[in-house]
C-alpha cells in the first residue's frame, strides 16, 4: 500500500519543479519506504538540497548503533550555534566536550544534555553488503528503530537530538544531500547539487521497527562494519 501525491512549485525568475513524495507499506515486516522524487520542470538547471528529516521518539536509555566508531573523526559535533539557540556557558562547555568525546552521547541516558539541541555530522560511512548504510536506535527494552539508505544518493548524515520538555526527538540518522547550515554555507562547501532541465532526482529512505528477537543480530551486523 502506498500514499502518494504531487506538488508543483514555480516562482518568477526562479525554480520550477514537481515534488512527488511516496510512502510505501508492505505486508511483510514493520518497515516502510519514504520516497521523494524531484523533477526540474524549468528550462534552466536548478539547485537542489534535500534532507529526509525522520524524527524518531527520544527513547531514554537507548543506544545508538552505527557503522562507524564514536570518534571525533567520525562523529563531528556542530560547534556553531544557530540563531534560535540562546547558549549558556554550560552549553558551550558541553559542545566542546562532545566535540572531543562524542561517545558520551552513544547512550541517551542524560536527557537534560539535549536542551538546547545537539547536532552531529556522521562521517566515513561504510556500505553494508546490500549497498545501503544502516543505523539503529536500540531501546533498553530490547527492540529498536532502524533506518537505511543509499549513500550515493544522500552522502551526508545528520544527527539531531532534542529534549526540552515540549519536544522529545532522537533523529539519530537523517540522510541528506548536504548539511543543514543554510544555502550559502552549503554552496560554499560544494554541497548544493545541480539538477539539469528535465532531469529527476530520486531519494529512498527505509525506516522500520525491529522486535526483541531480531534487533540484537541486526545491531551486531551494523557495529561489525565499524571495526
N, C-alpha and C. Protein backbone atom coordinates (compact mmCIF):
# COMPACT_ATOMS: atom_id res chain seq x y z
N UNK A 1 0.85 -1.17 0.00
CA UNK A 1 0.00 0.00 0.00
C UNK A 1 0.89 1.23 0.00
N UNK A 2 0.51 2.23 -0.79
CA UNK A 2 1.31 3.45 -0.88
C UNK A 2 0.42 4.68 -0.77
N UNK A 3 0.94 5.69 -0.11
CA UNK A 3 0.31 7.00 -0.05
C UNK A 3 1.20 7.95 -0.84
N UNK A 4 0.65 8.65 -1.80
CA UNK A 4 1.46 9.49 -2.66
C UNK A 4 0.72 10.77 -3.02
N UNK A 5 1.40 11.63 -3.71
CA UNK A 5 0.83 12.90 -4.15
C UNK A 5 1.85 13.62 -4.99
N UNK A 6 1.54 14.84 -5.41
CA UNK A 6 2.47 15.64 -6.20
C UNK A 6 2.22 17.10 -5.93
N UNK A 7 3.31 17.87 -5.93
CA UNK A 7 3.20 19.31 -5.70
C UNK A 7 4.10 20.03 -6.69
N UNK A 8 3.51 20.89 -7.51
CA UNK A 8 4.28 21.72 -8.43
C UNK A 8 4.62 23.04 -7.75
N UNK A 9 5.85 23.46 -7.92
CA UNK A 9 6.29 24.74 -7.35
C UNK A 9 6.92 25.56 -8.46
N UNK A 10 6.52 26.81 -8.55
CA UNK A 10 7.10 27.71 -9.55
C UNK A 10 7.20 29.11 -8.96
N UNK A 11 8.29 29.77 -9.28
CA UNK A 11 8.48 31.15 -8.84
C UNK A 11 9.06 31.95 -9.99
N UNK A 12 8.66 33.20 -10.11
CA UNK A 12 9.15 34.03 -11.19
C UNK A 12 10.66 34.18 -11.15
N UNK A 13 11.30 33.98 -12.28
CA UNK A 13 12.76 34.09 -12.40
C UNK A 13 13.48 33.15 -11.43
N UNK A 14 12.87 32.00 -11.20
CA UNK A 14 13.47 31.05 -10.28
C UNK A 14 13.10 29.63 -10.62
N UNK A 15 13.12 28.77 -9.62
CA UNK A 15 12.92 27.35 -9.83
C UNK A 15 11.48 27.01 -10.21
N UNK A 16 11.34 25.94 -10.98
CA UNK A 16 10.04 25.36 -11.31
C UNK A 16 10.23 23.85 -11.29
N UNK A 17 9.62 23.20 -10.31
CA UNK A 17 9.83 21.76 -10.17
C UNK A 17 8.57 21.08 -9.66
N UNK A 18 8.57 19.76 -9.79
CA UNK A 18 7.49 18.95 -9.24
C UNK A 18 8.09 18.00 -8.19
N UNK A 19 7.55 18.02 -7.00
CA UNK A 19 7.97 17.11 -5.93
C UNK A 19 6.90 16.04 -5.75
N UNK A 20 7.32 14.78 -5.80
CA UNK A 20 6.39 13.67 -5.68
C UNK A 20 6.81 12.78 -4.52
N UNK A 21 6.22 12.97 -3.35
CA UNK A 21 6.53 12.09 -2.21
C UNK A 21 5.69 10.81 -2.27
N UNK A 22 6.23 9.76 -1.67
CA UNK A 22 5.52 8.48 -1.66
C UNK A 22 5.98 7.69 -0.45
N UNK A 23 5.04 7.16 0.33
CA UNK A 23 5.35 6.30 1.47
C UNK A 23 4.73 4.94 1.19
N UNK A 24 5.57 3.91 1.22
CA UNK A 24 5.15 2.57 0.84
C UNK A 24 5.18 1.65 2.06
N UNK A 25 4.08 0.97 2.31
CA UNK A 25 3.98 -0.04 3.37
C UNK A 25 3.78 -1.40 2.72
N UNK A 26 4.43 -2.42 3.28
CA UNK A 26 4.28 -3.77 2.76
C UNK A 26 3.79 -4.71 3.85
N UNK A 27 3.16 -5.79 3.43
CA UNK A 27 2.57 -6.71 4.39
C UNK A 27 3.62 -7.40 5.24
N UNK A 28 4.78 -7.67 4.64
CA UNK A 28 5.82 -8.38 5.38
C UNK A 28 6.73 -7.37 6.09
N UNK A 29 6.87 -7.53 7.41
CA UNK A 29 7.78 -6.69 8.18
C UNK A 29 7.20 -5.35 8.56
N UNK A 30 7.74 -4.78 9.63
CA UNK A 30 7.29 -3.47 10.11
C UNK A 30 8.24 -2.41 9.56
N UNK A 31 8.18 -2.22 8.24
CA UNK A 31 9.09 -1.31 7.55
C UNK A 31 8.31 -0.51 6.53
N UNK A 32 8.79 0.68 6.23
CA UNK A 32 8.21 1.45 5.14
C UNK A 32 9.31 2.16 4.38
N UNK A 33 9.03 2.53 3.16
CA UNK A 33 9.94 3.30 2.33
C UNK A 33 9.40 4.71 2.18
N UNK A 34 10.27 5.68 2.38
CA UNK A 34 9.93 7.08 2.13
C UNK A 34 10.65 7.47 0.85
N UNK A 35 9.89 7.76 -0.18
CA UNK A 35 10.46 8.09 -1.49
C UNK A 35 10.14 9.55 -1.82
N UNK A 36 11.15 10.28 -2.26
CA UNK A 36 10.94 11.64 -2.75
C UNK A 36 11.57 11.75 -4.13
N UNK A 37 10.75 12.13 -5.11
CA UNK A 37 11.25 12.36 -6.46
C UNK A 37 11.05 13.83 -6.81
N UNK A 38 12.10 14.45 -7.31
CA UNK A 38 12.06 15.86 -7.70
C UNK A 38 12.39 15.96 -9.18
N UNK A 39 11.51 16.59 -9.94
CA UNK A 39 11.72 16.77 -11.38
C UNK A 39 11.85 18.25 -11.69
N UNK A 40 12.90 18.62 -12.39
CA UNK A 40 13.12 20.01 -12.78
C UNK A 40 12.30 20.31 -14.03
N UNK A 41 11.25 21.10 -13.88
CA UNK A 41 10.38 21.45 -14.99
C UNK A 41 10.80 22.72 -15.70
N UNK A 42 11.85 23.34 -15.20
CA UNK A 42 12.34 24.59 -15.78
C UNK A 42 13.23 24.32 -16.99
N UNK A 43 13.41 25.33 -17.82
CA UNK A 43 14.33 25.22 -18.95
C UNK A 43 15.78 25.38 -18.51
N UNK A 44 15.99 25.82 -17.28
CA UNK A 44 17.35 26.05 -16.78
C UNK A 44 17.66 25.05 -15.67
N UNK A 45 18.95 24.80 -15.40
CA UNK A 45 19.30 23.95 -14.26
C UNK A 45 18.84 24.58 -12.95
N UNK A 46 18.62 23.76 -11.94
CA UNK A 46 18.19 24.28 -10.64
C UNK A 46 19.03 23.68 -9.52
N UNK A 47 19.22 24.47 -8.47
CA UNK A 47 19.90 23.99 -7.28
C UNK A 47 18.97 23.06 -6.50
N UNK A 48 19.57 22.04 -5.87
CA UNK A 48 18.77 21.06 -5.13
C UNK A 48 19.44 20.73 -3.81
N UNK A 49 18.68 20.83 -2.73
CA UNK A 49 19.10 20.41 -1.40
C UNK A 49 17.95 19.60 -0.81
N UNK A 50 18.27 18.42 -0.27
CA UNK A 50 17.21 17.57 0.28
C UNK A 50 17.71 16.86 1.53
N UNK A 51 16.84 16.81 2.53
CA UNK A 51 17.09 16.02 3.73
C UNK A 51 15.82 15.25 4.08
N UNK A 52 15.98 13.96 4.39
CA UNK A 52 14.85 13.18 4.89
C UNK A 52 14.87 13.31 6.41
N UNK A 53 14.04 14.21 6.92
CA UNK A 53 14.07 14.60 8.33
C UNK A 53 13.19 13.63 9.13
N UNK A 54 13.74 12.47 9.45
CA UNK A 54 12.99 11.44 10.16
C UNK A 54 13.17 11.64 11.66
N UNK A 55 12.09 12.00 12.35
CA UNK A 55 12.14 12.30 13.78
C UNK A 55 11.61 11.13 14.59
N UNK A 56 12.51 10.26 15.00
CA UNK A 56 12.12 9.18 15.91
C UNK A 56 11.94 9.74 17.32
N UNK A 57 11.19 9.02 18.12
CA UNK A 57 10.98 9.45 19.50
C UNK A 57 12.26 9.34 20.31
N UNK A 58 12.43 10.24 21.27
CA UNK A 58 13.55 10.16 22.20
C UNK A 58 13.26 9.01 23.17
N UNK A 59 14.04 7.94 23.05
CA UNK A 59 13.86 6.76 23.90
C UNK A 59 14.95 6.78 24.96
N UNK A 60 14.61 7.19 26.16
CA UNK A 60 15.61 7.34 27.21
C UNK A 60 16.27 5.99 27.51
N UNK A 61 17.60 6.02 27.58
CA UNK A 61 18.36 4.80 27.82
C UNK A 61 18.69 4.01 26.57
N UNK A 62 18.23 4.47 25.41
CA UNK A 62 18.50 3.76 24.17
C UNK A 62 19.95 3.98 23.74
N UNK A 63 20.46 3.03 22.95
CA UNK A 63 21.84 3.10 22.45
C UNK A 63 21.83 3.28 20.95
N UNK A 64 22.62 4.24 20.47
CA UNK A 64 22.74 4.47 19.04
C UNK A 64 23.71 3.46 18.45
N UNK A 65 23.27 2.78 17.41
CA UNK A 65 24.09 1.76 16.73
C UNK A 65 24.41 2.29 15.34
N UNK A 66 25.72 2.36 15.02
CA UNK A 66 26.12 2.95 13.75
C UNK A 66 27.30 2.19 13.15
N UNK A 67 27.54 2.35 11.84
CA UNK A 67 28.59 1.59 11.16
C UNK A 67 29.97 2.23 11.18
N UNK A 68 30.17 3.23 12.03
CA UNK A 68 31.48 3.84 12.23
C UNK A 68 31.70 4.03 13.73
N UNK A 69 32.95 4.12 14.18
CA UNK A 69 33.19 4.29 15.61
C UNK A 69 32.79 5.67 16.10
N UNK A 70 32.62 5.80 17.42
CA UNK A 70 32.26 7.07 18.04
C UNK A 70 33.53 7.87 18.35
N UNK A 71 34.20 8.30 17.30
CA UNK A 71 35.41 9.10 17.43
C UNK A 71 35.14 10.50 16.89
N UNK A 72 35.95 11.49 17.27
CA UNK A 72 35.74 12.84 16.74
C UNK A 72 35.87 12.92 15.23
N UNK A 73 36.60 11.98 14.62
CA UNK A 73 36.75 11.98 13.17
C UNK A 73 35.48 11.50 12.47
N UNK A 74 34.73 10.64 13.12
CA UNK A 74 33.53 10.06 12.51
C UNK A 74 32.23 10.68 13.01
N UNK A 75 32.22 11.19 14.22
CA UNK A 75 31.04 11.84 14.79
C UNK A 75 31.45 13.26 15.16
N UNK A 76 31.13 14.19 14.28
CA UNK A 76 31.61 15.56 14.40
C UNK A 76 30.51 16.43 15.01
N UNK A 77 30.75 16.95 16.18
CA UNK A 77 29.76 17.80 16.83
C UNK A 77 29.70 19.17 16.14
N UNK A 78 28.50 19.67 15.96
CA UNK A 78 28.35 21.03 15.42
C UNK A 78 28.66 22.03 16.52
N UNK A 79 29.72 22.77 16.36
CA UNK A 79 30.12 23.76 17.37
C UNK A 79 29.56 25.14 17.07
N UNK A 80 29.15 25.39 15.82
CA UNK A 80 28.48 26.65 15.51
C UNK A 80 27.10 26.65 16.14
N UNK A 81 26.73 27.73 16.76
CA UNK A 81 25.45 27.81 17.47
C UNK A 81 24.45 28.59 16.62
N UNK A 82 23.33 27.98 16.23
CA UNK A 82 22.35 28.67 15.39
C UNK A 82 21.63 29.79 16.13
N UNK A 83 21.01 30.67 15.36
CA UNK A 83 20.40 31.86 15.94
C UNK A 83 19.25 31.59 16.88
N UNK A 84 18.56 30.46 16.72
CA UNK A 84 17.40 30.20 17.57
C UNK A 84 17.79 29.64 18.94
N UNK A 85 19.08 29.36 19.14
CA UNK A 85 19.55 28.83 20.42
C UNK A 85 20.21 29.95 21.23
N UNK A 86 19.78 30.11 22.47
CA UNK A 86 20.41 31.07 23.38
C UNK A 86 21.36 30.28 24.29
N UNK A 87 22.65 30.33 24.01
CA UNK A 87 23.58 29.45 24.74
C UNK A 87 23.96 29.99 26.11
N UNK A 88 24.20 29.08 27.01
CA UNK A 88 24.77 29.41 28.32
C UNK A 88 26.22 28.96 28.32
N UNK A 89 26.95 29.34 29.34
CA UNK A 89 28.33 28.90 29.45
C UNK A 89 28.41 27.38 29.55
N UNK A 90 27.46 26.78 30.27
CA UNK A 90 27.43 25.32 30.40
C UNK A 90 27.17 24.65 29.05
N UNK A 91 26.31 25.25 28.24
CA UNK A 91 26.01 24.69 26.92
C UNK A 91 27.23 24.73 26.02
N UNK A 92 27.94 25.85 26.04
CA UNK A 92 29.16 25.97 25.23
C UNK A 92 30.20 24.95 25.69
N UNK A 93 30.30 24.75 26.98
CA UNK A 93 31.26 23.78 27.51
C UNK A 93 30.89 22.36 27.08
N UNK A 94 29.59 22.06 27.10
CA UNK A 94 29.14 20.73 26.72
C UNK A 94 29.45 20.47 25.24
N UNK A 95 29.24 21.44 24.39
CA UNK A 95 29.54 21.26 22.97
C UNK A 95 31.00 20.90 22.77
N UNK A 96 31.88 21.59 23.48
CA UNK A 96 33.30 21.30 23.35
C UNK A 96 33.63 19.90 23.87
N UNK A 97 32.96 19.49 24.94
CA UNK A 97 33.17 18.14 25.47
C UNK A 97 32.71 17.09 24.46
N UNK A 98 31.56 17.32 23.84
CA UNK A 98 31.05 16.37 22.86
C UNK A 98 31.92 16.33 21.61
N UNK A 99 32.48 17.47 21.24
CA UNK A 99 33.38 17.50 20.09
C UNK A 99 34.62 16.65 20.34
N UNK A 100 35.11 16.66 21.57
CA UNK A 100 36.31 15.89 21.92
C UNK A 100 35.98 14.43 22.20
N UNK A 101 34.77 14.17 22.72
CA UNK A 101 34.40 12.80 23.10
C UNK A 101 32.94 12.54 22.73
N UNK A 102 32.65 12.33 21.43
CA UNK A 102 31.25 12.10 21.03
C UNK A 102 30.68 10.80 21.56
N UNK A 103 31.51 9.89 22.06
CA UNK A 103 30.99 8.63 22.61
C UNK A 103 30.14 8.89 23.84
N UNK A 104 30.23 10.07 24.41
CA UNK A 104 29.42 10.41 25.58
C UNK A 104 27.93 10.36 25.26
N UNK A 105 27.57 10.59 23.99
CA UNK A 105 26.15 10.60 23.64
C UNK A 105 25.72 9.31 22.94
N UNK A 106 26.55 8.27 23.05
CA UNK A 106 26.18 7.00 22.43
C UNK A 106 24.91 6.42 23.03
N UNK A 107 24.74 6.60 24.34
CA UNK A 107 23.54 6.16 25.04
C UNK A 107 22.77 7.41 25.48
N UNK A 108 21.47 7.42 25.25
CA UNK A 108 20.64 8.58 25.59
C UNK A 108 20.20 8.49 27.05
N UNK A 109 21.17 8.65 27.94
CA UNK A 109 20.87 8.47 29.36
C UNK A 109 20.91 9.76 30.16
N UNK A 110 21.10 10.90 29.49
CA UNK A 110 21.08 12.21 30.16
C UNK A 110 20.23 13.16 29.32
N UNK A 111 18.91 13.08 29.43
CA UNK A 111 18.06 13.92 28.59
C UNK A 111 18.35 15.41 28.71
N UNK A 112 18.76 15.84 29.89
CA UNK A 112 18.98 17.27 30.10
C UNK A 112 20.11 17.83 29.25
N UNK A 113 21.00 16.98 28.75
CA UNK A 113 22.10 17.48 27.93
C UNK A 113 21.63 17.91 26.54
N UNK A 114 20.36 17.59 26.19
CA UNK A 114 19.84 17.91 24.86
C UNK A 114 18.83 19.05 24.89
N UNK A 115 18.97 19.94 25.85
CA UNK A 115 18.18 21.17 25.91
C UNK A 115 19.15 22.32 26.17
N UNK A 116 19.51 23.10 25.14
CA UNK A 116 19.05 23.07 23.75
C UNK A 116 19.55 21.84 22.99
N UNK A 117 19.22 21.82 21.71
CA UNK A 117 19.53 20.71 20.82
C UNK A 117 21.03 20.45 20.70
N UNK A 118 21.36 19.24 20.27
CA UNK A 118 22.71 18.89 19.87
C UNK A 118 22.66 18.30 18.47
N UNK A 119 23.62 18.70 17.65
CA UNK A 119 23.67 18.27 16.25
C UNK A 119 25.06 17.69 15.97
N UNK A 120 25.08 16.59 15.23
CA UNK A 120 26.34 15.94 14.87
C UNK A 120 26.29 15.57 13.39
N UNK A 121 27.48 15.51 12.78
CA UNK A 121 27.62 15.05 11.41
C UNK A 121 28.40 13.73 11.43
N UNK A 122 27.84 12.70 10.82
CA UNK A 122 28.45 11.37 10.83
C UNK A 122 29.23 11.19 9.53
N UNK A 123 30.52 10.87 9.66
CA UNK A 123 31.43 10.83 8.51
C UNK A 123 31.97 9.41 8.28
N UNK A 124 32.43 9.19 7.05
CA UNK A 124 33.13 7.96 6.72
C UNK A 124 32.27 6.71 6.75
N UNK A 125 31.02 6.83 6.36
CA UNK A 125 30.10 5.70 6.45
C UNK A 125 30.48 4.59 5.47
N UNK A 126 30.25 3.37 5.90
CA UNK A 126 30.54 2.20 5.08
C UNK A 126 29.23 1.51 4.70
N UNK A 127 29.18 1.06 3.46
CA UNK A 127 28.00 0.35 2.98
C UNK A 127 27.96 -1.06 3.57
N UNK A 128 26.76 -1.54 3.80
CA UNK A 128 26.54 -2.94 4.15
C UNK A 128 26.55 -3.77 2.87
N UNK A 129 26.55 -5.10 2.96
CA UNK A 129 26.51 -5.93 1.76
C UNK A 129 25.36 -5.61 0.81
N UNK A 130 24.26 -5.07 1.32
CA UNK A 130 23.13 -4.73 0.45
C UNK A 130 23.31 -3.38 -0.25
N UNK A 131 24.45 -2.72 -0.02
CA UNK A 131 24.73 -1.45 -0.67
C UNK A 131 24.23 -0.23 0.07
N UNK A 132 23.54 -0.42 1.18
CA UNK A 132 22.99 0.69 1.96
C UNK A 132 23.82 0.92 3.22
N UNK A 133 23.61 2.06 3.84
CA UNK A 133 24.15 2.30 5.18
C UNK A 133 22.99 2.14 6.17
N UNK A 134 23.30 1.56 7.32
CA UNK A 134 22.26 1.22 8.30
C UNK A 134 22.59 1.83 9.66
N UNK A 135 21.57 2.35 10.32
CA UNK A 135 21.67 2.84 11.70
C UNK A 135 20.50 2.26 12.48
N UNK A 136 20.70 2.18 13.80
CA UNK A 136 19.62 1.73 14.68
C UNK A 136 19.62 2.55 15.96
N UNK A 137 18.47 2.61 16.59
CA UNK A 137 18.34 3.10 17.95
C UNK A 137 17.81 1.93 18.77
N UNK A 138 18.72 1.29 19.51
CA UNK A 138 18.38 0.08 20.25
C UNK A 138 17.85 0.47 21.63
N UNK A 139 16.57 0.25 21.83
CA UNK A 139 15.94 0.65 23.08
C UNK A 139 16.35 -0.28 24.21
N UNK A 140 16.26 0.23 25.45
CA UNK A 140 16.65 -0.60 26.60
C UNK A 140 15.71 -1.77 26.80
N UNK A 141 14.51 -1.70 26.18
CA UNK A 141 13.58 -2.82 26.25
C UNK A 141 13.99 -3.96 25.32
N UNK A 142 14.96 -3.71 24.43
CA UNK A 142 15.46 -4.76 23.56
C UNK A 142 15.02 -4.66 22.11
N UNK A 143 14.00 -3.86 21.82
CA UNK A 143 13.59 -3.66 20.44
C UNK A 143 14.30 -2.42 19.88
N UNK A 144 14.01 -2.06 18.63
CA UNK A 144 14.80 -0.99 18.02
C UNK A 144 14.06 -0.31 16.88
N UNK A 145 14.46 0.94 16.63
CA UNK A 145 14.10 1.66 15.41
C UNK A 145 15.28 1.53 14.45
N UNK A 146 15.00 1.50 13.14
CA UNK A 146 16.06 1.32 12.16
C UNK A 146 15.84 2.25 10.97
N UNK A 147 16.96 2.60 10.31
CA UNK A 147 16.90 3.44 9.12
C UNK A 147 18.05 3.05 8.20
N UNK A 148 17.80 3.12 6.89
CA UNK A 148 18.82 2.75 5.91
C UNK A 148 18.58 3.52 4.61
N UNK A 149 19.67 3.76 3.85
CA UNK A 149 19.56 4.46 2.58
C UNK A 149 20.82 4.25 1.76
N UNK A 150 20.77 4.70 0.49
CA UNK A 150 21.91 4.64 -0.42
C UNK A 150 22.77 5.89 -0.22
N UNK A 151 24.02 5.74 0.22
CA UNK A 151 24.84 6.93 0.49
C UNK A 151 25.29 7.66 -0.77
N UNK A 152 25.15 7.04 -1.92
CA UNK A 152 25.49 7.76 -3.15
C UNK A 152 24.45 8.84 -3.43
N UNK A 153 23.18 8.52 -3.20
CA UNK A 153 22.11 9.49 -3.43
C UNK A 153 22.09 10.56 -2.34
N UNK A 154 22.35 10.15 -1.09
CA UNK A 154 22.35 11.08 0.05
C UNK A 154 23.63 10.85 0.85
N UNK A 155 24.71 11.55 0.50
CA UNK A 155 26.02 11.28 1.08
C UNK A 155 26.27 11.88 2.46
N UNK A 156 25.36 12.69 2.97
CA UNK A 156 25.56 13.34 4.27
C UNK A 156 24.59 12.76 5.30
N UNK A 157 25.06 12.68 6.53
CA UNK A 157 24.25 12.14 7.63
C UNK A 157 24.28 13.11 8.81
N UNK A 158 23.10 13.50 9.26
CA UNK A 158 22.99 14.47 10.35
C UNK A 158 22.27 13.79 11.51
N UNK A 159 22.72 14.08 12.70
CA UNK A 159 22.07 13.59 13.93
C UNK A 159 21.57 14.81 14.71
N UNK A 160 20.30 14.80 15.04
CA UNK A 160 19.69 15.92 15.77
C UNK A 160 18.92 15.35 16.96
N UNK A 161 19.31 15.76 18.13
CA UNK A 161 18.68 15.24 19.35
C UNK A 161 18.23 16.41 20.22
N UNK A 162 16.98 16.34 20.67
CA UNK A 162 16.39 17.44 21.43
C UNK A 162 15.43 16.88 22.47
N UNK A 163 15.55 17.39 23.68
CA UNK A 163 14.61 17.03 24.75
C UNK A 163 14.43 18.26 25.63
N UNK A 164 13.43 19.06 25.30
CA UNK A 164 13.26 20.32 26.01
C UNK A 164 11.94 20.40 26.78
N UNK A 165 11.29 19.27 27.00
CA UNK A 165 10.02 19.29 27.71
C UNK A 165 8.82 19.39 26.80
N UNK A 166 8.96 20.13 25.71
CA UNK A 166 7.88 20.23 24.72
C UNK A 166 8.08 19.26 23.57
N UNK A 167 9.34 19.03 23.23
CA UNK A 167 9.67 18.13 22.12
C UNK A 167 10.73 17.15 22.59
N UNK A 168 10.51 15.86 22.29
CA UNK A 168 11.48 14.82 22.64
C UNK A 168 11.78 14.04 21.36
N UNK A 169 12.91 14.36 20.76
CA UNK A 169 13.24 13.83 19.43
C UNK A 169 14.63 13.23 19.45
N UNK A 170 14.76 12.04 18.85
CA UNK A 170 16.07 11.43 18.63
C UNK A 170 16.17 11.09 17.15
N UNK A 171 16.45 12.11 16.35
CA UNK A 171 16.68 11.90 14.92
C UNK A 171 18.12 11.43 14.78
N UNK A 172 18.34 10.15 15.05
CA UNK A 172 19.70 9.63 15.23
C UNK A 172 20.46 9.49 13.92
N UNK A 173 19.77 9.52 12.78
CA UNK A 173 20.44 9.47 11.48
C UNK A 173 19.49 10.02 10.42
N UNK A 174 19.78 11.21 9.91
CA UNK A 174 18.96 11.81 8.87
C UNK A 174 19.80 11.90 7.60
N UNK A 175 19.42 11.17 6.55
CA UNK A 175 20.18 11.23 5.31
C UNK A 175 19.88 12.52 4.54
N UNK A 176 20.90 13.04 3.86
CA UNK A 176 20.72 14.31 3.16
C UNK A 176 21.74 14.45 2.04
N UNK A 177 21.45 15.37 1.14
CA UNK A 177 22.40 15.70 0.08
C UNK A 177 23.43 16.72 0.55
N UNK A 178 23.19 17.34 1.71
CA UNK A 178 24.08 18.38 2.20
C UNK A 178 23.90 18.49 3.71
N UNK A 179 24.67 19.35 4.32
CA UNK A 179 24.50 19.63 5.74
C UNK A 179 23.50 20.77 5.91
N UNK A 180 22.96 20.98 7.12
CA UNK A 180 21.84 21.92 7.29
C UNK A 180 22.25 23.33 7.72
N UNK A 181 23.37 23.81 7.20
CA UNK A 181 23.86 25.12 7.64
C UNK A 181 23.39 26.27 6.76
N UNK A 182 22.47 26.01 5.84
CA UNK A 182 21.93 27.06 5.00
C UNK A 182 22.54 27.06 3.60
N UNK A 183 21.80 27.66 2.67
CA UNK A 183 22.18 27.60 1.26
C UNK A 183 23.57 28.17 1.00
N UNK A 184 23.84 29.35 1.54
CA UNK A 184 25.12 30.00 1.26
C UNK A 184 26.30 29.17 1.75
N UNK A 185 26.18 28.65 2.97
CA UNK A 185 27.27 27.85 3.53
C UNK A 185 27.44 26.55 2.75
N UNK A 186 26.34 25.90 2.39
CA UNK A 186 26.43 24.63 1.67
C UNK A 186 26.93 24.84 0.24
N UNK A 187 26.55 25.94 -0.38
CA UNK A 187 27.05 26.28 -1.71
C UNK A 187 28.56 26.48 -1.66
N UNK A 188 29.02 27.15 -0.63
CA UNK A 188 30.45 27.39 -0.47
C UNK A 188 31.23 26.09 -0.28
N UNK A 189 30.60 25.13 0.39
CA UNK A 189 31.25 23.83 0.63
C UNK A 189 31.13 22.87 -0.55
N UNK A 190 30.39 23.27 -1.58
CA UNK A 190 30.21 22.41 -2.74
C UNK A 190 29.16 21.33 -2.53
N UNK A 191 28.24 21.55 -1.61
CA UNK A 191 27.24 20.54 -1.27
C UNK A 191 25.88 20.74 -1.94
N UNK A 192 25.74 21.79 -2.75
CA UNK A 192 24.47 22.04 -3.42
C UNK A 192 24.49 21.36 -4.78
N UNK A 193 23.57 20.45 -4.98
CA UNK A 193 23.50 19.68 -6.22
C UNK A 193 22.82 20.48 -7.31
N UNK A 194 23.25 20.29 -8.56
CA UNK A 194 22.64 20.96 -9.71
C UNK A 194 21.84 19.94 -10.50
N UNK A 195 20.55 20.21 -10.69
CA UNK A 195 19.66 19.31 -11.40
C UNK A 195 19.36 19.91 -12.77
N UNK A 196 19.71 19.19 -13.83
CA UNK A 196 19.55 19.70 -15.18
C UNK A 196 18.08 19.84 -15.55
N UNK A 197 17.81 20.65 -16.57
CA UNK A 197 16.44 20.82 -17.06
C UNK A 197 15.88 19.48 -17.49
N UNK A 198 14.69 19.15 -16.99
CA UNK A 198 14.03 17.91 -17.33
C UNK A 198 14.50 16.70 -16.55
N UNK A 199 15.53 16.86 -15.75
CA UNK A 199 16.09 15.72 -15.00
C UNK A 199 15.28 15.47 -13.73
N UNK A 200 15.42 14.22 -13.23
CA UNK A 200 14.76 13.82 -12.00
C UNK A 200 15.80 13.34 -10.99
N UNK A 201 15.56 13.64 -9.74
CA UNK A 201 16.36 13.10 -8.64
C UNK A 201 15.42 12.28 -7.77
N UNK A 202 15.90 11.11 -7.33
CA UNK A 202 15.05 10.21 -6.55
C UNK A 202 15.79 9.79 -5.29
N UNK A 203 15.12 9.91 -4.16
CA UNK A 203 15.71 9.60 -2.87
C UNK A 203 14.81 8.60 -2.14
N UNK A 204 15.42 7.51 -1.65
CA UNK A 204 14.67 6.46 -0.98
C UNK A 204 15.26 6.23 0.40
N UNK A 205 14.45 6.33 1.42
CA UNK A 205 14.85 6.07 2.80
C UNK A 205 13.97 4.96 3.37
N UNK A 206 14.60 3.97 3.93
CA UNK A 206 13.86 2.87 4.55
C UNK A 206 13.89 3.03 6.06
N UNK A 207 12.74 3.03 6.68
CA UNK A 207 12.68 3.09 8.13
C UNK A 207 11.84 1.92 8.64
N UNK A 208 12.08 1.51 9.86
CA UNK A 208 11.32 0.37 10.35
C UNK A 208 11.50 0.13 11.83
N UNK A 209 10.88 -0.92 12.28
CA UNK A 209 10.89 -1.35 13.67
C UNK A 209 11.37 -2.79 13.73
N UNK A 210 12.28 -3.09 14.66
CA UNK A 210 12.78 -4.44 14.87
C UNK A 210 12.38 -4.90 16.26
N UNK A 211 11.82 -6.09 16.36
CA UNK A 211 11.42 -6.61 17.66
C UNK A 211 12.63 -7.15 18.42
N UNK A 212 12.40 -7.59 19.64
CA UNK A 212 13.49 -8.05 20.51
C UNK A 212 14.21 -9.27 19.96
N UNK A 213 13.53 -10.03 19.13
CA UNK A 213 14.16 -11.23 18.57
C UNK A 213 15.15 -10.91 17.47
N UNK A 214 14.86 -9.88 16.68
CA UNK A 214 15.71 -9.57 15.52
C UNK A 214 16.68 -8.41 15.73
N UNK A 215 16.42 -7.55 16.71
CA UNK A 215 17.26 -6.36 16.90
C UNK A 215 18.72 -6.69 17.26
N UNK A 216 19.01 -7.62 18.17
CA UNK A 216 20.41 -7.85 18.55
C UNK A 216 21.31 -8.26 17.39
N UNK A 217 20.87 -9.17 16.53
CA UNK A 217 21.70 -9.59 15.41
C UNK A 217 21.88 -8.47 14.40
N UNK A 218 20.85 -7.66 14.20
CA UNK A 218 20.97 -6.52 13.31
C UNK A 218 21.99 -5.52 13.85
N UNK A 219 21.99 -5.30 15.15
CA UNK A 219 22.95 -4.39 15.78
C UNK A 219 24.38 -4.91 15.61
N UNK A 220 24.57 -6.21 15.77
CA UNK A 220 25.90 -6.78 15.61
C UNK A 220 26.40 -6.62 14.17
N UNK A 221 25.52 -6.78 13.21
CA UNK A 221 25.92 -6.62 11.82
C UNK A 221 26.34 -5.19 11.52
N UNK A 222 25.61 -4.23 12.07
CA UNK A 222 25.95 -2.82 11.84
C UNK A 222 27.27 -2.47 12.50
N UNK A 223 27.41 -2.82 13.77
CA UNK A 223 28.63 -2.45 14.50
C UNK A 223 29.85 -3.24 14.03
N UNK A 224 29.62 -4.42 13.45
CA UNK A 224 30.74 -5.19 12.92
C UNK A 224 31.47 -4.49 11.82
N UNK A 225 30.75 -3.70 11.02
CA UNK A 225 31.38 -2.97 9.93
C UNK A 225 32.13 -1.74 10.41
N UNK A 226 31.97 -1.38 11.67
CA UNK A 226 32.65 -0.20 12.22
C UNK A 226 34.05 -0.53 12.71
N UNK A 227 34.42 -1.78 12.75
CA UNK A 227 35.71 -2.19 13.30
C UNK A 227 36.78 -2.22 12.22
